[in-house]
PDB file of N, CA and C in Angstrom:
ATOM      1  N   MET A   1      82.646  70.004 101.267  1.00  0.00           N
ATOM      2  CA  MET A   1      81.974  70.852 102.265  1.00  0.00           C
ATOM      3  C   MET A   1      80.818  71.873 102.130  1.00  0.00           C
ATOM      4  N   GLU A   2      80.000  71.407 102.654  1.00  0.00           N
ATOM      5  CA  GLU A   2      78.797  72.580 102.546  1.00  0.00           C
ATOM      6  C   GLU A   2      78.942  74.333 102.781  1.00  0.00           C
ATOM      7  N   GLY A   3      78.503  74.675 101.624  1.00  0.00           N
ATOM      8  CA  GLY A   3      78.663  76.192 101.453  1.00  0.00           C
ATOM      9  C   GLY A   3      80.164  76.737 101.230  1.00  0.00           C
ATOM     10  N   HIS A   4      81.812  76.170 100.649  1.00  0.00           N
ATOM     11  CA  HIS A   4      82.406  75.819 101.084  1.00  0.00           C
ATOM     12  C   HIS A   4      82.706  76.323  99.748  1.00  0.00           C
ATOM     13  N   TYR A   5      83.726  77.409  99.635  1.00  0.00           N
ATOM     14  CA  TYR A   5      84.095  78.190  97.947  1.00  0.00           C
ATOM     15  C   TYR A   5      85.237  78.793  98.244  1.00  0.00           C
ATOM     16  N   PRO A   6      86.023  78.792  96.876  1.00  0.00           N
ATOM     17  CA  PRO A   6      88.015  79.231  97.168  1.00  0.00           C
ATOM     18  C   PRO A   6      87.914  80.786  97.565  1.00  0.00           C
ATOM     19  N   VAL A   7      88.568  80.711  98.696  1.00  0.00           N
ATOM     20  CA  VAL A   7      89.019  81.859  99.605  1.00  0.00           C
ATOM     21  C   VAL A   7      90.112  83.063  98.334  1.00  0.00           C
ATOM     22  N   LEU A   8      91.122  82.275  97.714  1.00  0.00           N
ATOM     23  CA  LEU A   8      92.776  81.937  97.089  1.00  0.00           C
ATOM     24  C   LEU A   8      92.434  83.657  96.380  1.00  0.00           C
ATOM     25  N   PRO A   9      91.840  83.115  95.510  1.00  0.00           N
ATOM     26  CA  PRO A   9      91.424  84.315  94.103  1.00  0.00           C
ATOM     27  C   PRO A   9      91.385  85.787  94.505  1.00  0.00           C
ATOM     28  N   PHE A  10      90.416  85.914  96.652  1.00  0.00           N
ATOM     29  CA  PHE A  10      90.123  87.018  96.420  1.00  0.00           C
ATOM     30  C   PHE A  10      91.241  87.373  97.899  1.00  0.00           C
ATOM     31  N   VAL A  11      91.707  86.866  98.095  1.00  0.00           N
ATOM     32  CA  VAL A  11      92.768  86.657  98.770  1.00  0.00           C
ATOM     33  C   VAL A  11      93.670  87.484  97.792  1.00  0.00           C
ATOM     34  N   LEU A  12      94.474  87.061  96.804  1.00  0.00           N
ATOM     35  CA  LEU A  12      95.104  87.480  96.036  1.00  0.00           C
ATOM     36  C   LEU A  12      94.663  88.983  95.696  1.00  0.00           C
ATOM     37  N   ILE A  13      93.323  89.410  95.316  1.00  0.00           N
ATOM     38  CA  ILE A  13      92.987  90.387  94.860  1.00  0.00           C
ATOM     39  C   ILE A  13      93.501  91.744  95.923  1.00  0.00           C
ATOM     40  N   ALA A  14      93.196  91.493  97.298  1.00  0.00           N
ATOM     41  CA  ALA A  14      93.090  92.374  98.457  1.00  0.00           C
ATOM     42  C   ALA A  14      94.505  92.790  98.467  1.00  0.00           C
ATOM     43  N   THR A  15      95.114  91.305  98.415  1.00  0.00           N
ATOM     44  CA  THR A  15      96.602  91.968  98.556  1.00  0.00           C
ATOM     45  C   THR A  15      96.944  93.077  97.739  1.00  0.00           C
ATOM     46  N   PHE A  16      96.906  92.429  96.034  1.00  0.00           N
ATOM     47  CA  PHE A  16      97.210  93.066  94.736  1.00  0.00           C
ATOM     48  C   PHE A  16      97.092  95.028  95.236  1.00  0.00           C
ATOM     49  N   ILE A  17      95.322  94.429  95.901  1.00  0.00           N
ATOM     50  CA  ILE A  17      94.974  96.482  95.840  1.00  0.00           C
ATOM     51  C   ILE A  17      95.497  97.451  96.818  1.00  0.00           C
ATOM     52  N   SER A  18      95.976  96.421  97.947  1.00  0.00           N
ATOM     53  CA  SER A  18      96.080  97.240  99.027  1.00  0.00           C
ATOM     54  C   SER A  18      98.214  98.281  98.652  1.00  0.00           C
ATOM     55  N   PHE A  19      98.639  96.528  98.310  1.00  0.00           N
ATOM     56  CA  PHE A  19      99.956  97.007  97.181  1.00  0.00           C
ATOM     57  C   PHE A  19      99.675  98.304  96.777  1.00  0.00           C
ATOM     58  N   VAL A  20      98.935  98.427  95.105  1.00  0.00           N
ATOM     59  CA  VAL A  20      98.564  99.625  94.297  1.00  0.00           C
ATOM     60  C   VAL A  20      98.114 100.493  95.223  1.00  0.00           C
ATOM     61  N   CYS A  21      97.758 100.452  96.393  1.00  0.00           N
ATOM     62  CA  CYS A  21      97.347 101.804  96.437  1.00  0.00           C
ATOM     63  C   CYS A  21      98.647 101.997  97.977  1.00  0.00           C
ATOM     64  N   ILE A  22      99.224 101.370  98.700  1.00  0.00           N
ATOM     65  CA  ILE A  22     100.342 101.516  98.932  1.00  0.00           C
ATOM     66  C   ILE A  22     101.490 102.457  97.731  1.00  0.00           C
ATOM     67  N   LEU A  23     101.162 101.205  96.867  1.00  0.00           N
ATOM     68  CA  LEU A  23     102.346 102.433  95.715  1.00  0.00           C
ATOM     69  C   LEU A  23     101.911 104.171  95.425  1.00  0.00           C
ATOM     70  N   GLU A  24     100.375 104.350  95.071  1.00  0.00           N
ATOM     71  CA  GLU A  24      99.978 105.357  94.676  1.00  0.00           C
ATOM     72  C   GLU A  24     100.022 106.488  96.270  1.00  0.00           C
ATOM     73  N   ILE A  25      99.785 106.029  97.158  1.00  0.00           N
ATOM     74  CA  ILE A  25     100.275 106.875  98.202  1.00  0.00           C
ATOM     75  C   ILE A  25     101.610 107.515  98.569  1.00  0.00           C
ATOM     76  N   GLY A  26     102.510 106.488  98.272  1.00  0.00           N
ATOM     77  CA  GLY A  26     104.016 106.153  97.817  1.00  0.00           C
ATOM     78  C   GLY A  26     104.482 107.311  97.187  1.00  0.00           C
ATOM     79  N   PHE A  27     104.089 107.680  96.105  1.00  0.00           N
ATOM     80  CA  PHE A  27     104.489 108.426  94.743  1.00  0.00           C
ATOM     81  C   PHE A  27     103.207 110.145  95.220  1.00  0.00           C
ATOM     82  N   GLY A  28     102.963 109.420  95.594  1.00  0.00           N
ATOM     83  CA  GLY A  28     102.042 110.977  95.759  1.00  0.00           C
ATOM     84  C   GLY A  28     103.175 111.779  96.804  1.00  0.00           C
ATOM     85  N   LEU A  29     103.471 111.067  97.678  1.00  0.00           N
ATOM     86  CA  LEU A  29     103.863 111.893  98.756  1.00  0.00           C
ATOM     87  C   LEU A  29     105.392 112.146  98.091  1.00  0.00           C
ATOM     88  N   PHE A  30     105.690 111.458  97.325  1.00  0.00           N
ATOM     89  CA  PHE A  30     107.379 111.939  96.601  1.00  0.00           C
ATOM     90  C   PHE A  30     107.079 113.045  95.838  1.00  0.00           C
ATOM     91  N   PHE A  31     106.108 113.190  95.308  1.00  0.00           N
ATOM     92  CA  PHE A  31     105.959 113.936  94.673  1.00  0.00           C
ATOM     93  C   PHE A  31     105.463 115.578  95.587  1.00  0.00           C
ATOM     94  N   GLU A  32     104.687 115.069  96.357  1.00  0.00           N
ATOM     95  CA  GLU A  32     104.860 116.052  97.176  1.00  0.00           C
ATOM     96  C   GLU A  32     105.964 117.214  97.232  1.00  0.00           C
ATOM     97  N   ILE A  33     106.956 116.217  97.908  1.00  0.00           N
ATOM     98  CA  ILE A  33     107.673 116.152  99.038  1.00  0.00           C
ATOM     99  C   ILE A  33     108.801 116.988  97.810  1.00  0.00           C
ATOM    100  N   THR A  34     109.269 116.118  96.648  1.00  0.00           N
ATOM    101  CA  THR A  34     110.098 117.051  95.746  1.00  0.00           C
ATOM    102  C   THR A  34     109.372 118.114  94.486  1.00  0.00           C
ATOM    103  N   GLY A  35     107.961 118.453  95.330  1.00  0.00           N
ATOM    104  CA  GLY A  35     108.218 120.314  94.562  1.00  0.00           C
ATOM    105  C   GLY A  35     107.134 119.877  94.056  1.00  0.00           C
ATOM    106  N   GLY A  36     106.695 119.338  93.689  1.00  0.00           N
ATOM    107  CA  GLY A  36     105.110 118.922  92.718  1.00  0.00           C
ATOM    108  C   GLY A  36     105.171 118.177  91.970  1.00  0.00           C
ATOM    109  N   MET A  37     104.057 118.039  90.895  1.00  0.00           N
ATOM    110  CA  MET A  37     104.347 117.419  89.964  1.00  0.00           C
ATOM    111  C   MET A  37     103.816 118.485  88.615  1.00  0.00           C
ATOM    112  N   SER A  38     104.783 118.245  87.168  1.00  0.00           N
ATOM    113  CA  SER A  38     104.187 119.030  85.928  1.00  0.00           C
ATOM    114  C   SER A  38     102.701 118.672  85.816  1.00  0.00           C
ATOM    115  N   TYR A  39     102.032 119.792  85.207  1.00  0.00           N
ATOM    116  CA  TYR A  39     100.975 119.540  84.484  1.00  0.00           C
ATOM    117  C   TYR A  39     100.561 117.983  83.892  1.00  0.00           C
ATOM    118  N   LYS A  40     101.996 117.894  83.172  1.00  0.00           N
ATOM    119  CA  LYS A  40     101.481 116.790  82.579  1.00  0.00           C
ATOM    120  C   LYS A  40     101.600 115.148  83.250  1.00  0.00           C
ATOM    121  N   ILE A  41     102.118 115.352  84.136  1.00  0.00           N
ATOM    122  CA  ILE A  41     102.730 113.731  85.253  1.00  0.00           C
ATOM    123  C   ILE A  41     101.040 114.175  85.522  1.00  0.00           C
ATOM    124  N   MET A  42     100.105 115.032  86.336  1.00  0.00           N
ATOM    125  CA  MET A  42      99.444 115.574  87.136  1.00  0.00           C
ATOM    126  C   MET A  42      98.285 114.388  86.161  1.00  0.00           C
ATOM    127  N   ARG A  43      97.915 115.288  84.669  1.00  0.00           N
ATOM    128  CA  ARG A  43      97.137 114.795  84.418  1.00  0.00           C
ATOM    129  C   ARG A  43      96.846 113.080  84.243  1.00  0.00           C
ATOM    130  N   ILE A  44      98.368 112.103  84.253  1.00  0.00           N
ATOM    131  CA  ILE A  44      98.506 110.787  83.343  1.00  0.00           C
ATOM    132  C   ILE A  44      98.701 110.077  85.079  1.00  0.00           C
ATOM    133  N   TRP A  45      98.769 111.481  86.370  1.00  0.00           N
ATOM    134  CA  TRP A  45      98.287 110.651  87.592  1.00  0.00           C
ATOM    135  C   TRP A  45      97.053 110.621  87.459  1.00  0.00           C
ATOM    136  N   ALA A  46      96.526 111.417  87.299  1.00  0.00           N
ATOM    137  CA  ALA A  46      95.041 111.275  87.928  1.00  0.00           C
ATOM    138  C   ALA A  46      94.358 110.283  87.069  1.00  0.00           C
ATOM    139  N   LYS A  47      94.565 110.254  86.169  1.00  0.00           N
ATOM    140  CA  LYS A  47      93.842 108.684  84.883  1.00  0.00           C
ATOM    141  C   LYS A  47      94.155 107.507  85.388  1.00  0.00           C
ATOM    142  N   VAL A  48      95.535 107.354  85.933  1.00  0.00           N
ATOM    143  CA  VAL A  48      95.848 106.282  86.905  1.00  0.00           C
ATOM    144  C   VAL A  48      94.866 106.069  88.269  1.00  0.00           C
ATOM    145  N   ILE A  49      94.908 106.584  88.810  1.00  0.00           N
ATOM    146  CA  ILE A  49      93.844 106.724  90.432  1.00  0.00           C
ATOM    147  C   ILE A  49      92.241 106.155  89.644  1.00  0.00           C
ATOM    148  N   PHE A  50      92.064 107.200  88.333  1.00  0.00           N
ATOM    149  CA  PHE A  50      90.817 106.875  88.306  1.00  0.00           C
ATOM    150  C   PHE A  50      90.813 104.805  87.614  1.00  0.00           C
ATOM    151  N   VAL A  51      91.330 105.050  87.254  1.00  0.00           N
ATOM    152  CA  VAL A  51      91.668 103.258  86.740  1.00  0.00           C
ATOM    153  C   VAL A  51      91.730 102.375  87.483  1.00  0.00           C
ATOM    154  N   THR A  52      92.565 102.771  88.732  1.00  0.00           N
ATOM    155  CA  THR A  52      92.333 101.676  90.004  1.00  0.00           C
ATOM    156  C   THR A  52      91.429 101.742  90.732  1.00  0.00           C
ATOM    157  N   THR A  53      90.781 102.256  90.920  1.00  0.00           N
ATOM    158  CA  THR A  53      89.451 102.965  91.841  1.00  0.00           C
ATOM    159  C   THR A  53      88.484 102.276  90.810  1.00  0.00           C
ATOM    160  N   CYS A  54      88.231 102.526  89.596  1.00  0.00           N
ATOM    161  CA  CYS A  54      87.181 101.825  89.029  1.00  0.00           C
ATOM    162  C   CYS A  54      87.751 100.093  88.933  1.00  0.00           C
ATOM    163  N   VAL A  55      88.906  99.857  89.077  1.00  0.00           N
ATOM    164  CA  VAL A  55      88.701  98.309  88.966  1.00  0.00           C
ATOM    165  C   VAL A  55      88.833  98.039  90.977  1.00  0.00           C
ATOM    166  N   TYR A  56      89.304  98.744  91.640  1.00  0.00           N
ATOM    167  CA  TYR A  56      88.817  98.095  93.021  1.00  0.00           C
ATOM    168  C   TYR A  56      87.377  97.774  92.747  1.00  0.00           C
ATOM    169  N   ALA A  57      86.640  99.580  92.751  1.00  0.00           N
ATOM    170  CA  ALA A  57      85.059  98.800  93.128  1.00  0.00           C
ATOM    171  C   ALA A  57      84.401  97.774  92.345  1.00  0.00           C
ATOM    172  N   LEU A  58      85.193  97.430  90.699  1.00  0.00           N
ATOM    173  CA  LEU A  58      84.404  96.118  90.385  1.00  0.00           C
ATOM    174  C   LEU A  58      84.943  94.953  91.228  1.00  0.00           C
ATOM    175  N   SER A  59      86.650  95.192  91.418  1.00  0.00           N
ATOM    176  CA  SER A  59      86.720  93.537  92.419  1.00  0.00           C
ATOM    177  C   SER A  59      85.912  93.347  93.931  1.00  0.00           C
ATOM    178  N   ILE A  60      85.425  94.826  94.314  1.00  0.00           N
ATOM    179  CA  ILE A  60      84.679  94.295  95.392  1.00  0.00           C
ATOM    180  C   ILE A  60      82.823  93.983  95.247  1.00  0.00           C
ATOM    181  N   LEU A  61      82.652  95.060  94.320  1.00  0.00           N
ATOM    182  CA  LEU A  61      81.542  93.966  93.443  1.00  0.00           C
ATOM    183  C   LEU A  61      81.250  92.802  93.571  1.00  0.00           C
ATOM    184  N   SER A  62      82.558  92.345  92.298  1.00  0.00           N
ATOM    185  CA  SER A  62      82.985  90.572  92.075  1.00  0.00           C
ATOM    186  C   SER A  62      82.758  89.465  93.403  1.00  0.00           C
ATOM    187  N   ILE A  63      83.527  90.373  94.427  1.00  0.00           N
ATOM    188  CA  ILE A  63      83.788  89.296  95.618  1.00  0.00           C
ATOM    189  C   ILE A  63      81.738  89.214  96.103  1.00  0.00           C
ATOM    190  N   ALA A  64      81.104  90.413  96.193  1.00  0.00           N
ATOM    191  CA  ALA A  64      80.049  90.669  97.131  1.00  0.00           C
ATOM    192  C   ALA A  64      78.789  90.039  96.088  1.00  0.00           C
ATOM    193  N   ILE A  65      79.306  89.633  95.194  1.00  0.00           N
ATOM    194  CA  ILE A  65      77.948  89.064  93.841  1.00  0.00           C
ATOM    195  C   ILE A  65      78.691  87.739  94.532  1.00  0.00           C
ATOM    196  N   TYR A  66      79.641  87.094  94.597  1.00  0.00           N
ATOM    197  CA  TYR A  66      80.165  85.414  94.809  1.00  0.00           C
ATOM    198  C   TYR A  66      80.148  85.366  96.233  1.00  0.00           C
ATOM    199  N   MET A  67      80.121  86.029  96.695  1.00  0.00           N
ATOM    200  CA  MET A  67      79.711  85.808  98.776  1.00  0.00           C
ATOM    201  C   MET A  67      77.725  85.265  98.653  1.00  0.00           C
ATOM    202  N   LEU A  68      77.291  86.527  98.148  1.00  0.00           N
ATOM    203  CA  LEU A  68      75.712  86.525  97.625  1.00  0.00           C
ATOM    204  C   LEU A  68      75.154  85.367  97.052  1.00  0.00           C
ATOM    205  N   ALA A  69      76.335  84.834  96.167  1.00  0.00           N
ATOM    206  CA  ALA A  69      76.014  83.488  95.505  1.00  0.00           C
ATOM    207  C   ALA A  69      75.982  82.093  96.306  1.00  0.00           C
ATOM    208  N   GLY A  70      77.064  82.318  97.455  1.00  0.00           N
ATOM    209  CA  GLY A  70      77.765  80.956  97.613  1.00  0.00           C
ATOM    210  C   GLY A  70      76.748  80.917  98.789  1.00  0.00           C
ATOM    211  N   LEU A  71      75.388  82.453  99.562  1.00  0.00           N
ATOM    212  CA  LEU A  71      75.123  82.690 100.349  1.00  0.00           C
ATOM    213  C   LEU A  71      73.906  81.635 100.194  1.00  0.00           C
ATOM    214  N   MET A  72      73.113  82.164  98.219  1.00  0.00           N
ATOM    215  CA  MET A  72      71.878  81.842  98.122  1.00  0.00           C
ATOM    216  C   MET A  72      71.708  80.226  97.684  1.00  0.00           C
ATOM    217  N   ALA A  73      72.982  79.447  97.467  1.00  0.00           N
ATOM    218  CA  ALA A  73      73.203  78.874  97.156  1.00  0.00           C
ATOM    219  C   ALA A  73      72.968  77.326  98.246  1.00  0.00           C
ATOM    220  N   ARG A  74      73.084  77.634  99.136  1.00  0.00           N
ATOM    221  CA  ARG A  74      72.722  76.875 100.302  1.00  0.00           C
ATOM    222  C   ARG A  74      71.267  76.622 100.432  1.00  0.00           C
TER     223      ARG A  74
END
């Protein structure tokens, strides 16, 4: 098929990203309801969110480059 490229890896990445997002929001709500988190946990949490945000950005960028390459190949 002309212009056909595998979509599965991107579906898996998107599923993983949304799963991690839901986990992060869930943990955030849990800590809010239970009366906030300690300073140490807060620092670790900030790092976790920073790293996952970087991963999201990189995966979205790679998807965009991949699709652009697929369009250029036509």
